Protein backbone atom coordinates (compact mmCIF):
# COMPACT_ATOMS: atom_id res chain seq x y z
CA UNK A 1 0.00 0.00 0.00
CA UNK A 2 0.99 3.61 -0.43
CA UNK A 3 1.03 6.12 2.43
CA UNK A 4 1.69 9.84 2.63
CA UNK A 5 5.07 10.75 4.05
CA UNK A 6 6.43 14.27 3.87
CA UNK A 7 4.24 15.24 0.92
CA UNK A 8 5.43 12.32 -1.18
CA UNK A 9 3.84 8.90 -1.45
CA UNK A 10 5.97 6.13 0.02
CA UNK A 11 5.54 2.46 -0.70
CA UNK A 12 4.90 0.19 2.31
CA UNK A 13 5.67 -3.51 1.79
CA UNK A 14 3.31 -6.31 2.78
CA UNK A 15 4.86 -8.72 5.24
CA UNK A 16 4.25 -11.98 3.37
CA UNK A 17 2.55 -12.18 -0.01
CA UNK A 18 0.89 -15.53 -0.71
CA UNK A 19 -0.43 -15.01 -4.22
CA UNK A 20 1.83 -15.22 -7.31
CA UNK A 21 0.52 -11.88 -8.58
CA UNK A 22 1.14 -10.19 -5.23
CA UNK A 23 4.71 -11.45 -5.20
CA UNK A 24 5.18 -10.32 -8.80
CA UNK A 25 3.83 -6.90 -7.85
CA UNK A 26 6.22 -6.60 -4.90
CA UNK A 27 9.20 -7.52 -7.08
CA UNK A 28 8.21 -5.01 -9.76
CA UNK A 29 7.63 -2.31 -7.15
CA UNK A 30 11.02 -2.83 -5.54
CA UNK A 31 12.58 -2.23 -8.91
CA UNK A 32 10.21 0.60 -9.93
CA UNK A 33 10.56 2.64 -6.74
CA UNK A 34 14.31 2.25 -6.39
CA UNK A 35 13.95 -0.04 -3.39
CA UNK A 36 16.70 -2.16 -4.91
CA UNK A 37 19.25 -1.89 -7.68
CA UNK A 38 19.65 -5.67 -7.96
CA UNK A 39 18.87 -7.47 -11.19
CA UNK A 40 15.20 -8.38 -11.51
CA UNK A 41 16.06 -12.09 -11.47
CA UNK A 42 17.80 -11.67 -8.10
CA UNK A 43 14.82 -9.80 -6.63
CA UNK A 44 12.48 -12.46 -7.97
CA UNK A 45 14.53 -15.32 -6.53
CA UNK A 46 14.69 -13.57 -3.13
CA UNK A 47 10.92 -13.16 -2.96
CA UNK A 48 10.18 -16.67 -4.23
CA UNK A 49 12.57 -18.19 -1.70
CA UNK A 50 10.44 -16.67 1.08
CA UNK A 51 7.19 -18.03 -0.35
CA UNK A 52 5.44 -21.37 -0.20
CA UNK A 53 4.12 -21.18 -3.76
CA UNK A 54 3.62 -24.37 -5.71
CA UNK A 55 5.54 -24.88 -8.96
CA UNK A 56 2.75 -23.64 -11.26
CA UNK A 57 2.30 -20.46 -9.20
CA UNK A 58 6.07 -19.87 -9.16
CA UNK A 59 6.04 -20.17 -12.94
CA UNK A 60 3.18 -17.66 -13.24
CA UNK A 61 4.98 -15.23 -10.94
CA UNK A 62 8.20 -15.49 -12.94
CA UNK A 63 6.34 -15.10 -16.23
CA UNK A 64 4.53 -11.97 -15.08
CA UNK A 65 7.66 -10.31 -13.67
CA UNK A 66 9.98 -11.15 -16.55
CA UNK A 67 7.27 -10.44 -19.12
CA UNK A 68 6.47 -7.03 -17.65
CA UNK A 69 10.17 -6.16 -17.74
CA UNK A 70 10.64 -7.53 -21.26
CA UNK A 71 7.52 -5.84 -22.69
CA UNK A 72 7.65 -2.70 -20.52
CA UNK A 73 7.84 -0.16 -23.36
CA UNK A 74 4.96 -1.75 -25.29
CA UNK A 75 2.81 -1.99 -22.15
CA UNK A 76 3.51 1.65 -21.27
CA UNK A 77 2.55 2.71 -24.81
CA UNK A 78 -0.75 0.83 -24.49
CA UNK A 79 -1.47 2.62 -21.21
CA UNK A 80 -0.67 6.03 -22.73
CA UNK A 81 -2.83 5.25 -25.77
CA UNK A 82 -5.81 4.21 -23.65
CA UNK A 83 -5.41 7.25 -21.38
CA UNK A 84 -5.39 9.62 -24.35
CA UNK A 85 -1.75 10.61 -23.90
CA UNK A 86 -1.56 11.04 -20.12
CA UNK A 87 1.66 9.55 -18.71
CA UNK A 88 1.16 10.31 -15.01
CA UNK A 89 0.39 7.46 -12.65
CA UNK A 90 1.63 6.46 -9.24
CA UNK A 91 4.27 3.70 -9.45
CA UNK A 92 1.89 1.17 -7.93
CA UNK A 93 -0.85 1.93 -10.43
CA UNK A 94 1.63 1.81 -13.31
CA UNK A 95 2.94 -1.59 -12.21
CA UNK A 96 -0.58 -2.98 -11.82
CA UNK A 97 -1.56 -1.71 -15.27
CA UNK A 98 1.50 -3.36 -16.80
CA UNK A 99 0.74 -6.63 -15.02
CA UNK A 100 -2.90 -6.67 -16.09
CA UNK A 101 -2.17 -5.70 -19.67
CA UNK A 102 0.63 -8.25 -19.96
CA UNK A 103 -1.69 -11.03 -18.85
CA UNK A 104 -4.41 -9.92 -21.28
CA UNK A 105 -2.25 -9.04 -24.29
CA UNK A 106 0.51 -11.65 -24.15
CA UNK A 107 -0.42 -14.60 -21.95
CA UNK A 108 -2.91 -16.80 -23.79
CA UNK A 109 -3.61 -19.28 -20.97
CA UNK A 110 -5.07 -16.71 -18.57
CA UNK A 111 -8.66 -15.66 -19.30
CA UNK A 112 -9.00 -11.89 -19.65
CA UNK A 113 -11.72 -11.74 -16.99
CA UNK A 114 -9.38 -13.44 -14.49
CA UNK A 115 -6.53 -11.03 -15.25
CA UNK A 116 -8.86 -8.03 -14.85
CA UNK A 117 -10.43 -9.38 -11.65
CA UNK A 118 -7.09 -10.20 -10.00
CA UNK A 119 -5.52 -6.89 -11.01
CA UNK A 120 -8.51 -4.84 -9.87
CA UNK A 121 -8.57 -6.76 -6.58
CA UNK A 122 -4.93 -5.89 -5.95
CA UNK A 123 -5.59 -2.21 -6.72
CA UNK A 124 -8.11 -1.98 -3.88
Foldseek 3Di string as FASTA:
>chain_A
DWDDDPNDIDDDDDDADAALVNLLLVLQVCCQVVVDPDDSVVSLVVNVVRYPDDPVSSVVSVCLNVQCVVCVVVQQVVVCVVVVRDNDDDSSVSSLSSSLCCCVPPPPVDDNVNSVVVSVVVVD
